[in-house]
Amino acid sequence: MRFFILLVIVGAAVAQNQYQNQGRQQQQQQYQDDDQQRSQINDRQYSTTTYIPILQWNKEQEHDGTYRTSYETGNNIIAEESGYIRSTGEGEDKVDTLVQSGSYSYTSPEGQLISVTYTADETGFHAIGDHIPTPPPVSEEIQKGLDLIYAGIKKQQEEAAHDQQPPKESQLLSQQRLDRQEDNKKYRF
């Protein structure tokens, strides 16, 4: 009986050892697979990266916020920009706005030279370039209709503003007289 118990214990120990070794082997294989995948990803990432030198870089910065910068790269990207700070608004609505203007150009993958000139201020970013699509002009009939719509909106706004104005002094006095006359009629004996 002792022999049988000893045999069971030894068999369990051997089985557990084999199970642990199998788990370690699977884990090592997973690590090797992960390393191989990482290596392939890194090879793909770095194989398409090309070093592009910066041929020229200039930057001037003043204490009042005015600046001017320009650069040129080895793959023919050329850019320049200048900017300054302008105060807009009045009273409590007064804020400082950064006003920028500049241009950049580069060669597209199709070989076309792309040039953009832009301004940016409190009204937004405005770009101009031959490659930027522009809407067709508005026809005369549509423009007349839009003008009528805008005129109607403006008239409604003026009427609403007029209705919200406090009554003038003469209107108040005449209203007070009417109120007194009504009171006299009610309380006459």
N, C-alpha and C. Protein backbone atom coordinates (compact mmCIF):
# COMPACT_ATOMS: atom_id res chain seq x y z
N MET A 1 0.81 -1.18 0.00
CA MET A 1 0.00 0.00 0.00
C MET A 1 0.87 1.26 0.00
N ARG A 2 1.93 1.22 0.80
CA ARG A 2 2.83 2.37 0.84
C ARG A 2 3.45 2.60 -0.53
N PHE A 3 3.79 1.52 -1.16
CA PHE A 3 4.38 1.63 -2.49
C PHE A 3 3.41 2.29 -3.46
N PHE A 4 2.16 1.90 -3.38
CA PHE A 4 1.14 2.47 -4.26
C PHE A 4 0.96 3.98 -4.01
N ILE A 5 0.94 4.41 -2.76
CA ILE A 5 0.81 5.84 -2.41
C ILE A 5 2.03 6.59 -2.90
N LEU A 6 3.21 6.01 -2.71
CA LEU A 6 4.43 6.65 -3.17
C LEU A 6 4.43 6.79 -4.68
N LEU A 7 3.94 5.78 -5.36
CA LEU A 7 3.86 5.82 -6.82
C LEU A 7 2.89 6.92 -7.29
N VAL A 8 1.79 7.09 -6.63
CA VAL A 8 0.81 8.13 -6.97
C VAL A 8 1.42 9.52 -6.74
N ILE A 9 2.12 9.70 -5.65
CA ILE A 9 2.73 11.01 -5.34
C ILE A 9 3.80 11.34 -6.37
N VAL A 10 4.65 10.38 -6.68
CA VAL A 10 5.71 10.61 -7.67
C VAL A 10 5.08 10.88 -9.04
N GLY A 11 4.06 10.15 -9.41
CA GLY A 11 3.39 10.37 -10.70
C GLY A 11 2.76 11.75 -10.77
N ALA A 12 2.15 12.21 -9.67
CA ALA A 12 1.54 13.54 -9.65
C ALA A 12 2.61 14.62 -9.77
N ALA A 13 3.75 14.40 -9.10
CA ALA A 13 4.84 15.39 -9.17
C ALA A 13 5.41 15.48 -10.58
N VAL A 14 5.56 14.32 -11.23
CA VAL A 14 6.09 14.31 -12.60
C VAL A 14 5.09 15.00 -13.54
N ALA A 15 3.82 14.71 -13.37
CA ALA A 15 2.79 15.31 -14.23
C ALA A 15 2.74 16.82 -14.04
N GLN A 16 2.85 17.25 -12.78
CA GLN A 16 2.82 18.70 -12.51
C GLN A 16 4.05 19.36 -13.13
N ASN A 17 5.19 18.75 -13.05
CA ASN A 17 6.41 19.29 -13.61
C ASN A 17 6.30 19.40 -15.14
N GLN A 18 5.74 18.37 -15.78
CA GLN A 18 5.55 18.41 -17.23
C GLN A 18 4.56 19.51 -17.62
N TYR A 19 3.50 19.66 -16.82
CA TYR A 19 2.50 20.71 -17.09
C TYR A 19 3.13 22.10 -16.99
N GLN A 20 3.95 22.31 -15.94
CA GLN A 20 4.63 23.61 -15.78
C GLN A 20 5.60 23.86 -16.92
N ASN A 21 6.35 22.85 -17.33
CA ASN A 21 7.29 23.01 -18.44
C ASN A 21 6.56 23.35 -19.73
N GLN A 22 5.42 22.69 -19.95
CA GLN A 22 4.63 22.97 -21.15
C GLN A 22 4.13 24.42 -21.12
N GLY A 23 3.69 24.91 -19.97
CA GLY A 23 3.23 26.29 -19.83
C GLY A 23 4.35 27.28 -20.09
N ARG A 24 5.55 26.97 -19.59
CA ARG A 24 6.71 27.85 -19.82
C ARG A 24 7.07 27.90 -21.31
N GLN A 25 7.01 26.75 -21.95
CA GLN A 25 7.32 26.70 -23.37
C GLN A 25 6.30 27.52 -24.18
N GLN A 26 5.03 27.41 -23.84
CA GLN A 26 4.01 28.20 -24.53
C GLN A 26 4.22 29.69 -24.30
N GLN A 27 4.57 30.04 -23.06
CA GLN A 27 4.81 31.45 -22.74
C GLN A 27 6.03 31.98 -23.51
N GLN A 28 7.08 31.20 -23.56
CA GLN A 28 8.28 31.61 -24.31
C GLN A 28 7.96 31.76 -25.80
N GLN A 29 7.17 30.86 -26.33
CA GLN A 29 6.78 30.94 -27.75
C GLN A 29 5.97 32.21 -27.99
N GLN A 30 5.07 32.55 -27.06
CA GLN A 30 4.26 33.77 -27.20
C GLN A 30 5.15 35.01 -27.17
N TYR A 31 6.14 35.02 -26.26
CA TYR A 31 7.08 36.15 -26.21
C TYR A 31 7.85 36.28 -27.52
N GLN A 32 8.30 35.15 -28.07
CA GLN A 32 9.03 35.19 -29.34
C GLN A 32 8.14 35.69 -30.47
N ASP A 33 6.89 35.24 -30.49
CA ASP A 33 5.95 35.71 -31.52
C ASP A 33 5.70 37.21 -31.39
N ASP A 34 5.52 37.68 -30.15
CA ASP A 34 5.30 39.11 -29.91
C ASP A 34 6.52 39.93 -30.35
N ASP A 35 7.72 39.45 -30.01
CA ASP A 35 8.93 40.16 -30.42
C ASP A 35 9.04 40.22 -31.94
N GLN A 36 8.70 39.12 -32.60
CA GLN A 36 8.78 39.08 -34.05
C GLN A 36 7.77 40.07 -34.66
N GLN A 37 6.56 40.15 -34.12
CA GLN A 37 5.57 41.10 -34.62
C GLN A 37 6.02 42.53 -34.40
N ARG A 38 6.58 42.81 -33.20
CA ARG A 38 7.07 44.17 -32.93
C ARG A 38 8.19 44.52 -33.91
N SER A 39 9.06 43.61 -34.17
CA SER A 39 10.17 43.84 -35.09
C SER A 39 9.65 44.15 -36.49
N GLN A 40 8.63 43.39 -36.94
CA GLN A 40 8.06 43.63 -38.27
C GLN A 40 7.40 45.01 -38.33
N ILE A 41 6.69 45.39 -37.28
CA ILE A 41 6.05 46.71 -37.24
C ILE A 41 7.11 47.80 -37.28
N ASN A 42 8.15 47.65 -36.47
CA ASN A 42 9.21 48.66 -36.45
C ASN A 42 9.91 48.75 -37.80
N ASP A 43 10.15 47.60 -38.43
CA ASP A 43 10.78 47.62 -39.75
C ASP A 43 9.93 48.37 -40.76
N ARG A 44 8.60 48.15 -40.71
CA ARG A 44 7.70 48.85 -41.63
C ARG A 44 7.68 50.35 -41.34
N GLN A 45 7.67 50.72 -40.07
CA GLN A 45 7.62 52.14 -39.72
C GLN A 45 8.88 52.87 -40.16
N TYR A 46 10.02 52.28 -39.91
CA TYR A 46 11.27 52.97 -40.18
C TYR A 46 11.75 52.81 -41.62
N SER A 47 11.24 51.84 -42.32
CA SER A 47 11.70 51.65 -43.68
C SER A 47 11.12 52.71 -44.62
N THR A 48 9.97 53.33 -44.27
CA THR A 48 9.37 54.34 -45.13
C THR A 48 9.77 55.76 -44.74
N THR A 49 10.48 55.92 -43.65
CA THR A 49 10.87 57.24 -43.18
C THR A 49 12.14 57.68 -43.92
N THR A 50 12.06 58.86 -44.50
CA THR A 50 13.20 59.42 -45.21
C THR A 50 13.63 60.69 -44.50
N TYR A 51 14.89 60.85 -44.28
CA TYR A 51 15.41 62.05 -43.65
C TYR A 51 15.33 63.20 -44.65
N ILE A 52 14.71 64.30 -44.23
CA ILE A 52 14.60 65.49 -45.07
C ILE A 52 15.25 66.65 -44.32
N PRO A 53 16.30 67.20 -44.86
CA PRO A 53 17.00 68.27 -44.14
C PRO A 53 16.25 69.59 -44.19
N ILE A 54 16.47 70.41 -43.18
CA ILE A 54 15.97 71.79 -43.17
C ILE A 54 17.11 72.65 -43.71
N LEU A 55 16.86 73.28 -44.86
CA LEU A 55 17.92 74.05 -45.52
C LEU A 55 18.03 75.46 -44.94
N GLN A 56 16.91 76.01 -44.52
CA GLN A 56 16.92 77.38 -44.02
C GLN A 56 15.86 77.49 -42.93
N TRP A 57 16.18 78.21 -41.86
CA TRP A 57 15.23 78.45 -40.77
C TRP A 57 15.53 79.82 -40.17
N ASN A 58 14.55 80.72 -40.22
CA ASN A 58 14.70 82.04 -39.63
C ASN A 58 13.50 82.31 -38.75
N LYS A 59 13.74 82.90 -37.58
CA LYS A 59 12.64 83.29 -36.69
C LYS A 59 13.07 84.54 -35.94
N GLU A 60 12.18 85.54 -35.99
CA GLU A 60 12.39 86.79 -35.26
C GLU A 60 11.18 86.98 -34.37
N GLN A 61 11.41 87.22 -33.08
CA GLN A 61 10.32 87.40 -32.13
C GLN A 61 10.57 88.68 -31.35
N GLU A 62 9.59 89.58 -31.34
CA GLU A 62 9.69 90.83 -30.60
C GLU A 62 8.94 90.70 -29.28
N HIS A 63 9.21 91.61 -28.35
CA HIS A 63 8.55 91.58 -27.04
C HIS A 63 7.08 91.97 -27.11
N ASP A 64 6.67 92.68 -28.14
CA ASP A 64 5.28 93.10 -28.25
C ASP A 64 4.40 92.04 -28.92
N GLY A 65 4.94 90.86 -29.21
CA GLY A 65 4.17 89.79 -29.83
C GLY A 65 4.34 89.70 -31.33
N THR A 66 4.99 90.67 -31.94
CA THR A 66 5.23 90.66 -33.38
C THR A 66 6.28 89.60 -33.69
N TYR A 67 6.08 88.87 -34.76
CA TYR A 67 7.06 87.85 -35.15
C TYR A 67 7.09 87.69 -36.66
N ARG A 68 8.16 87.05 -37.11
CA ARG A 68 8.34 86.72 -38.53
C ARG A 68 9.15 85.43 -38.56
N THR A 69 8.69 84.46 -39.34
CA THR A 69 9.39 83.20 -39.45
C THR A 69 9.34 82.69 -40.88
N SER A 70 10.37 81.95 -41.27
CA SER A 70 10.40 81.34 -42.60
C SER A 70 11.29 80.11 -42.54
N TYR A 71 10.99 79.16 -43.42
CA TYR A 71 11.85 77.98 -43.52
C TYR A 71 11.75 77.37 -44.91
N GLU A 72 12.76 76.55 -45.23
CA GLU A 72 12.79 75.82 -46.49
C GLU A 72 13.37 74.44 -46.19
N THR A 73 12.76 73.41 -46.75
CA THR A 73 13.22 72.04 -46.51
C THR A 73 13.86 71.46 -47.77
N GLY A 74 14.50 70.32 -47.60
CA GLY A 74 15.18 69.66 -48.70
C GLY A 74 14.25 69.10 -49.75
N ASN A 75 12.96 68.94 -49.44
CA ASN A 75 12.01 68.44 -50.43
C ASN A 75 11.14 69.59 -50.99
N ASN A 76 11.69 70.78 -51.01
CA ASN A 76 11.09 71.97 -51.64
C ASN A 76 9.81 72.46 -50.98
N ILE A 77 9.70 72.33 -49.67
CA ILE A 77 8.62 72.99 -48.95
C ILE A 77 9.17 74.34 -48.51
N ILE A 78 8.47 75.39 -48.89
CA ILE A 78 8.89 76.74 -48.55
C ILE A 78 7.73 77.42 -47.84
N ALA A 79 7.98 78.03 -46.68
CA ALA A 79 6.91 78.68 -45.93
C ALA A 79 7.44 79.94 -45.26
N GLU A 80 6.55 80.92 -45.13
CA GLU A 80 6.86 82.13 -44.39
C GLU A 80 5.59 82.62 -43.72
N GLU A 81 5.75 83.27 -42.57
CA GLU A 81 4.59 83.77 -41.84
C GLU A 81 5.03 84.94 -40.97
N SER A 82 4.12 85.89 -40.82
CA SER A 82 4.36 87.00 -39.91
C SER A 82 3.07 87.26 -39.15
N GLY A 83 3.22 87.86 -38.00
CA GLY A 83 2.03 88.12 -37.20
C GLY A 83 2.26 89.22 -36.19
N TYR A 84 1.14 89.76 -35.69
CA TYR A 84 1.18 90.79 -34.68
C TYR A 84 -0.11 90.72 -33.86
N ILE A 85 -0.11 91.39 -32.72
CA ILE A 85 -1.28 91.39 -31.86
C ILE A 85 -2.02 92.70 -32.04
N ARG A 86 -3.36 92.58 -32.24
CA ARG A 86 -4.21 93.75 -32.45
C ARG A 86 -5.35 93.68 -31.44
N SER A 87 -5.68 94.84 -30.85
CA SER A 87 -6.82 94.91 -29.93
C SER A 87 -8.09 95.12 -30.73
N THR A 88 -9.11 94.32 -30.44
CA THR A 88 -10.40 94.44 -31.12
C THR A 88 -11.49 94.60 -30.07
N GLY A 89 -12.57 95.23 -30.45
CA GLY A 89 -13.69 95.44 -29.53
C GLY A 89 -13.50 96.70 -28.71
N GLU A 90 -14.51 96.98 -27.91
CA GLU A 90 -14.47 98.17 -27.06
C GLU A 90 -14.96 97.83 -25.66
N GLY A 91 -14.48 98.57 -24.68
CA GLY A 91 -14.94 98.40 -23.31
C GLY A 91 -14.65 97.01 -22.78
N GLU A 92 -15.69 96.39 -22.21
CA GLU A 92 -15.54 95.05 -21.64
C GLU A 92 -15.29 94.00 -22.71
N ASP A 93 -15.70 94.28 -23.95
CA ASP A 93 -15.54 93.33 -25.05
C ASP A 93 -14.17 93.42 -25.72
N LYS A 94 -13.29 94.25 -25.20
CA LYS A 94 -11.97 94.45 -25.82
C LYS A 94 -11.09 93.22 -25.55
N VAL A 95 -10.55 92.65 -26.63
CA VAL A 95 -9.67 91.48 -26.53
C VAL A 95 -8.49 91.67 -27.47
N ASP A 96 -7.40 90.99 -27.16
CA ASP A 96 -6.24 90.98 -28.04
C ASP A 96 -6.40 89.83 -29.03
N THR A 97 -6.13 90.11 -30.29
CA THR A 97 -6.27 89.12 -31.36
C THR A 97 -4.94 88.98 -32.08
N LEU A 98 -4.54 87.75 -32.34
CA LEU A 98 -3.32 87.51 -33.12
C LEU A 98 -3.70 87.55 -34.59
N VAL A 99 -3.08 88.44 -35.34
CA VAL A 99 -3.31 88.57 -36.78
C VAL A 99 -2.10 87.98 -37.49
N GLN A 100 -2.35 87.00 -38.38
CA GLN A 100 -1.27 86.32 -39.07
C GLN A 100 -1.48 86.40 -40.57
N SER A 101 -0.38 86.42 -41.29
CA SER A 101 -0.43 86.32 -42.74
C SER A 101 0.82 85.58 -43.19
N GLY A 102 0.67 84.85 -44.28
CA GLY A 102 1.82 84.08 -44.74
C GLY A 102 1.52 83.32 -46.00
N SER A 103 2.45 82.45 -46.35
CA SER A 103 2.29 81.62 -47.54
C SER A 103 3.13 80.37 -47.38
N TYR A 104 2.75 79.35 -48.12
CA TYR A 104 3.56 78.14 -48.17
C TYR A 104 3.38 77.50 -49.54
N SER A 105 4.37 76.71 -49.95
CA SER A 105 4.28 76.01 -51.22
C SER A 105 5.01 74.69 -51.10
N TYR A 106 4.53 73.72 -51.87
CA TYR A 106 5.13 72.39 -51.91
C TYR A 106 4.73 71.72 -53.22
N THR A 107 5.37 70.62 -53.54
CA THR A 107 5.05 69.87 -54.74
C THR A 107 4.19 68.67 -54.34
N SER A 108 3.04 68.54 -54.99
CA SER A 108 2.13 67.44 -54.68
C SER A 108 2.71 66.13 -55.20
N PRO A 109 2.18 64.98 -54.75
CA PRO A 109 2.66 63.69 -55.28
C PRO A 109 2.49 63.56 -56.79
N GLU A 110 1.54 64.33 -57.35
CA GLU A 110 1.34 64.29 -58.80
C GLU A 110 2.31 65.19 -59.55
N GLY A 111 3.14 65.94 -58.81
CA GLY A 111 4.12 66.81 -59.45
C GLY A 111 3.66 68.25 -59.63
N GLN A 112 2.48 68.59 -59.14
CA GLN A 112 1.94 69.95 -59.28
C GLN A 112 2.46 70.83 -58.13
N LEU A 113 2.86 72.06 -58.45
CA LEU A 113 3.29 73.00 -57.44
C LEU A 113 2.05 73.59 -56.77
N ILE A 114 1.92 73.42 -55.48
CA ILE A 114 0.80 73.93 -54.71
C ILE A 114 1.29 75.15 -53.94
N SER A 115 0.63 76.30 -54.14
CA SER A 115 0.97 77.53 -53.43
C SER A 115 -0.27 78.07 -52.75
N VAL A 116 -0.11 78.46 -51.49
CA VAL A 116 -1.22 78.99 -50.71
C VAL A 116 -0.76 80.27 -50.03
N THR A 117 -1.59 81.30 -50.13
CA THR A 117 -1.39 82.54 -49.39
C THR A 117 -2.56 82.66 -48.44
N TYR A 118 -2.33 83.08 -47.20
CA TYR A 118 -3.41 83.09 -46.22
C TYR A 118 -3.30 84.27 -45.27
N THR A 119 -4.43 84.56 -44.65
CA THR A 119 -4.52 85.49 -43.53
C THR A 119 -5.38 84.83 -42.46
N ALA A 120 -5.13 85.17 -41.22
CA ALA A 120 -5.92 84.65 -40.11
C ALA A 120 -6.05 85.74 -39.07
N ASP A 121 -7.30 86.00 -38.65
CA ASP A 121 -7.56 87.02 -37.65
C ASP A 121 -8.86 86.68 -36.93
N GLU A 122 -9.51 87.66 -36.32
CA GLU A 122 -10.74 87.39 -35.58
C GLU A 122 -11.88 86.93 -36.47
N THR A 123 -11.75 87.10 -37.79
CA THR A 123 -12.80 86.64 -38.70
C THR A 123 -12.56 85.22 -39.20
N GLY A 124 -11.41 84.63 -38.87
CA GLY A 124 -11.13 83.26 -39.27
C GLY A 124 -9.91 83.13 -40.16
N PHE A 125 -9.75 81.94 -40.73
CA PHE A 125 -8.63 81.61 -41.61
C PHE A 125 -9.10 81.74 -43.05
N HIS A 126 -8.38 82.53 -43.85
CA HIS A 126 -8.76 82.77 -45.24
C HIS A 126 -7.58 82.41 -46.14
N ALA A 127 -7.76 81.36 -46.94
CA ALA A 127 -6.69 80.88 -47.82
C ALA A 127 -7.02 81.16 -49.27
N ILE A 128 -5.98 81.46 -50.05
CA ILE A 128 -6.12 81.70 -51.48
C ILE A 128 -5.10 80.82 -52.19
N GLY A 129 -5.56 80.08 -53.18
CA GLY A 129 -4.67 79.23 -53.97
C GLY A 129 -5.38 78.75 -55.21
N ASP A 130 -4.63 78.52 -56.28
CA ASP A 130 -5.23 78.07 -57.54
C ASP A 130 -5.88 76.70 -57.41
N HIS A 131 -5.41 75.87 -56.51
CA HIS A 131 -5.95 74.52 -56.36
C HIS A 131 -7.18 74.46 -55.46
N ILE A 132 -7.49 75.55 -54.75
CA ILE A 132 -8.62 75.56 -53.82
C ILE A 132 -9.90 75.81 -54.62
N PRO A 133 -10.89 74.93 -54.49
CA PRO A 133 -12.12 75.12 -55.26
C PRO A 133 -12.88 76.36 -54.79
N THR A 134 -13.48 77.05 -55.75
CA THR A 134 -14.28 78.22 -55.44
C THR A 134 -15.70 77.99 -55.93
N PRO A 135 -16.69 78.53 -55.22
CA PRO A 135 -18.07 78.33 -55.65
C PRO A 135 -18.37 79.16 -56.90
N PRO A 136 -19.33 78.72 -57.70
CA PRO A 136 -19.69 79.51 -58.87
C PRO A 136 -20.37 80.81 -58.42
N PRO A 137 -20.38 81.83 -59.27
CA PRO A 137 -21.02 83.09 -58.87
C PRO A 137 -22.54 82.89 -58.72
N VAL A 138 -23.13 83.72 -57.85
CA VAL A 138 -24.57 83.66 -57.62
C VAL A 138 -25.28 84.37 -58.77
N SER A 139 -26.33 83.73 -59.30
CA SER A 139 -27.06 84.35 -60.41
C SER A 139 -27.79 85.60 -59.94
N GLU A 140 -28.12 86.48 -60.89
CA GLU A 140 -28.76 87.75 -60.57
C GLU A 140 -30.12 87.55 -59.90
N GLU A 141 -30.90 86.58 -60.36
CA GLU A 141 -32.22 86.33 -59.80
C GLU A 141 -32.13 85.86 -58.35
N ILE A 142 -31.19 84.96 -58.09
CA ILE A 142 -31.02 84.47 -56.72
C ILE A 142 -30.54 85.59 -55.81
N GLN A 143 -29.64 86.44 -56.30
CA GLN A 143 -29.14 87.54 -55.49
C GLN A 143 -30.26 88.50 -55.14
N LYS A 144 -31.18 88.78 -56.09
CA LYS A 144 -32.31 89.66 -55.79
C LYS A 144 -33.19 89.05 -54.71
N GLY A 145 -33.43 87.74 -54.80
CA GLY A 145 -34.23 87.07 -53.77
C GLY A 145 -33.57 87.13 -52.40
N LEU A 146 -32.25 86.91 -52.37
CA LEU A 146 -31.53 87.00 -51.10
C LEU A 146 -31.59 88.41 -50.52
N ASP A 147 -31.46 89.42 -51.40
CA ASP A 147 -31.54 90.81 -50.94
C ASP A 147 -32.91 91.10 -50.32
N LEU A 148 -33.97 90.59 -50.93
CA LEU A 148 -35.31 90.78 -50.37
C LEU A 148 -35.46 90.09 -49.02
N ILE A 149 -34.93 88.90 -48.91
CA ILE A 149 -35.00 88.18 -47.63
C ILE A 149 -34.24 88.95 -46.55
N TYR A 150 -33.03 89.40 -46.87
CA TYR A 150 -32.24 90.14 -45.89
C TYR A 150 -32.93 91.46 -45.51
N ALA A 151 -33.55 92.13 -46.47
CA ALA A 151 -34.26 93.37 -46.17
C ALA A 151 -35.43 93.10 -45.23
N GLY A 152 -36.17 92.00 -45.45
CA GLY A 152 -37.27 91.64 -44.56
C GLY A 152 -36.80 91.33 -43.15
N ILE A 153 -35.69 90.62 -43.06
CA ILE A 153 -35.13 90.30 -41.74
C ILE A 153 -34.71 91.57 -41.02
N LYS A 154 -34.07 92.48 -41.74
CA LYS A 154 -33.63 93.73 -41.13
C LYS A 154 -34.82 94.55 -40.66
N LYS A 155 -35.89 94.59 -41.44
CA LYS A 155 -37.08 95.33 -41.06
C LYS A 155 -37.71 94.73 -39.80
N GLN A 156 -37.78 93.41 -39.73
CA GLN A 156 -38.32 92.76 -38.54
C GLN A 156 -37.49 93.08 -37.30
N GLN A 157 -36.17 93.09 -37.46
CA GLN A 157 -35.29 93.40 -36.33
C GLN A 157 -35.50 94.84 -35.87
N GLU A 158 -35.64 95.77 -36.82
CA GLU A 158 -35.87 97.17 -36.46
C GLU A 158 -37.20 97.35 -35.74
N GLU A 159 -38.25 96.64 -36.23
CA GLU A 159 -39.56 96.75 -35.59
C GLU A 159 -39.51 96.17 -34.18
N ALA A 160 -38.82 95.06 -34.01
CA ALA A 160 -38.70 94.46 -32.69
C ALA A 160 -37.94 95.37 -31.74
N ALA A 161 -36.90 96.02 -32.24
CA ALA A 161 -36.13 96.94 -31.40
C ALA A 161 -36.97 98.16 -31.04
N HIS A 162 -37.80 98.62 -31.98
CA HIS A 162 -38.66 99.78 -31.73
C HIS A 162 -39.73 99.43 -30.68
N ASP A 163 -40.29 98.22 -30.76
CA ASP A 163 -41.31 97.79 -29.80
C ASP A 163 -40.74 97.63 -28.40
N GLN A 164 -39.47 97.35 -28.28
CA GLN A 164 -38.85 97.15 -26.97
C GLN A 164 -38.39 98.45 -26.34
N GLN A 165 -38.41 99.55 -27.07
CA GLN A 165 -37.97 100.83 -26.51
C GLN A 165 -38.98 101.30 -25.48
N PRO A 166 -38.50 101.92 -24.40
CA PRO A 166 -39.43 102.46 -23.40
C PRO A 166 -40.23 103.62 -24.01
N PRO A 167 -41.49 103.79 -23.57
CA PRO A 167 -42.30 104.87 -24.13
C PRO A 167 -41.71 106.24 -23.80
N LYS A 168 -41.92 107.17 -24.73
CA LYS A 168 -41.41 108.52 -24.54
C LYS A 168 -42.24 109.24 -23.47
N GLU A 169 -41.73 110.35 -22.97
CA GLU A 169 -42.38 111.09 -21.88
C GLU A 169 -43.77 111.56 -22.28
N SER A 170 -43.94 112.02 -23.51
CA SER A 170 -45.26 112.50 -23.94
C SER A 170 -46.26 111.35 -23.97
N GLN A 171 -45.81 110.16 -24.36
CA GLN A 171 -46.70 109.01 -24.34
C GLN A 171 -47.09 108.64 -22.92
N LEU A 172 -46.14 108.76 -21.99
CA LEU A 172 -46.44 108.47 -20.60
C LEU A 172 -47.47 109.44 -20.03
N LEU A 173 -47.29 110.73 -20.34
CA LEU A 173 -48.23 111.74 -19.83
C LEU A 173 -49.64 111.51 -20.37
N SER A 174 -49.76 111.22 -21.66
CA SER A 174 -51.10 110.99 -22.22
C SER A 174 -51.72 109.74 -21.62
N GLN A 175 -50.91 108.73 -21.35
CA GLN A 175 -51.43 107.51 -20.72
C GLN A 175 -51.90 107.81 -19.30
N GLN A 176 -51.15 108.65 -18.58
CA GLN A 176 -51.56 109.02 -17.22
C GLN A 176 -52.88 109.78 -17.24
N ARG A 177 -53.08 110.68 -18.21
CA ARG A 177 -54.36 111.41 -18.32
C ARG A 177 -55.51 110.44 -18.56
N LEU A 178 -55.30 109.48 -19.46
CA LEU A 178 -56.34 108.49 -19.73
C LEU A 178 -56.67 107.68 -18.48
N ASP A 179 -55.61 107.31 -17.73
CA ASP A 179 -55.83 106.55 -16.51
C ASP A 179 -56.64 107.37 -15.50
N ARG A 180 -56.35 108.68 -15.36
CA ARG A 180 -57.09 109.54 -14.43
C ARG A 180 -58.54 109.67 -14.86
N GLN A 181 -58.78 109.81 -16.15
CA GLN A 181 -60.15 109.92 -16.64
C GLN A 181 -60.93 108.65 -16.32
N GLU A 182 -60.29 107.50 -16.50
CA GLU A 182 -60.94 106.23 -16.18
C GLU A 182 -61.24 106.14 -14.69
N ASP A 183 -60.27 106.59 -13.86
CA ASP A 183 -60.48 106.57 -12.41
C ASP A 183 -61.64 107.48 -12.02
N ASN A 184 -61.72 108.68 -12.64
CA ASN A 184 -62.81 109.62 -12.33
C ASN A 184 -64.16 109.02 -12.68
N LYS A 185 -64.23 108.30 -13.78
CA LYS A 185 -65.50 107.68 -14.18
C LYS A 185 -65.90 106.60 -13.18
N LYS A 186 -64.95 105.86 -12.69
CA LYS A 186 -65.27 104.77 -11.79
C LYS A 186 -65.77 105.28 -10.43
N TYR A 187 -65.17 106.34 -9.94
CA TYR A 187 -65.45 106.78 -8.58
C TYR A 187 -66.36 107.98 -8.48
N ARG A 188 -67.07 108.36 -9.50
CA ARG A 188 -68.01 109.46 -9.43
C ARG A 188 -69.24 109.03 -8.67
N PHE A 189 -69.77 109.95 -7.86
CA PHE A 189 -70.97 109.65 -7.09
C PHE A 189 -72.14 110.36 -7.64
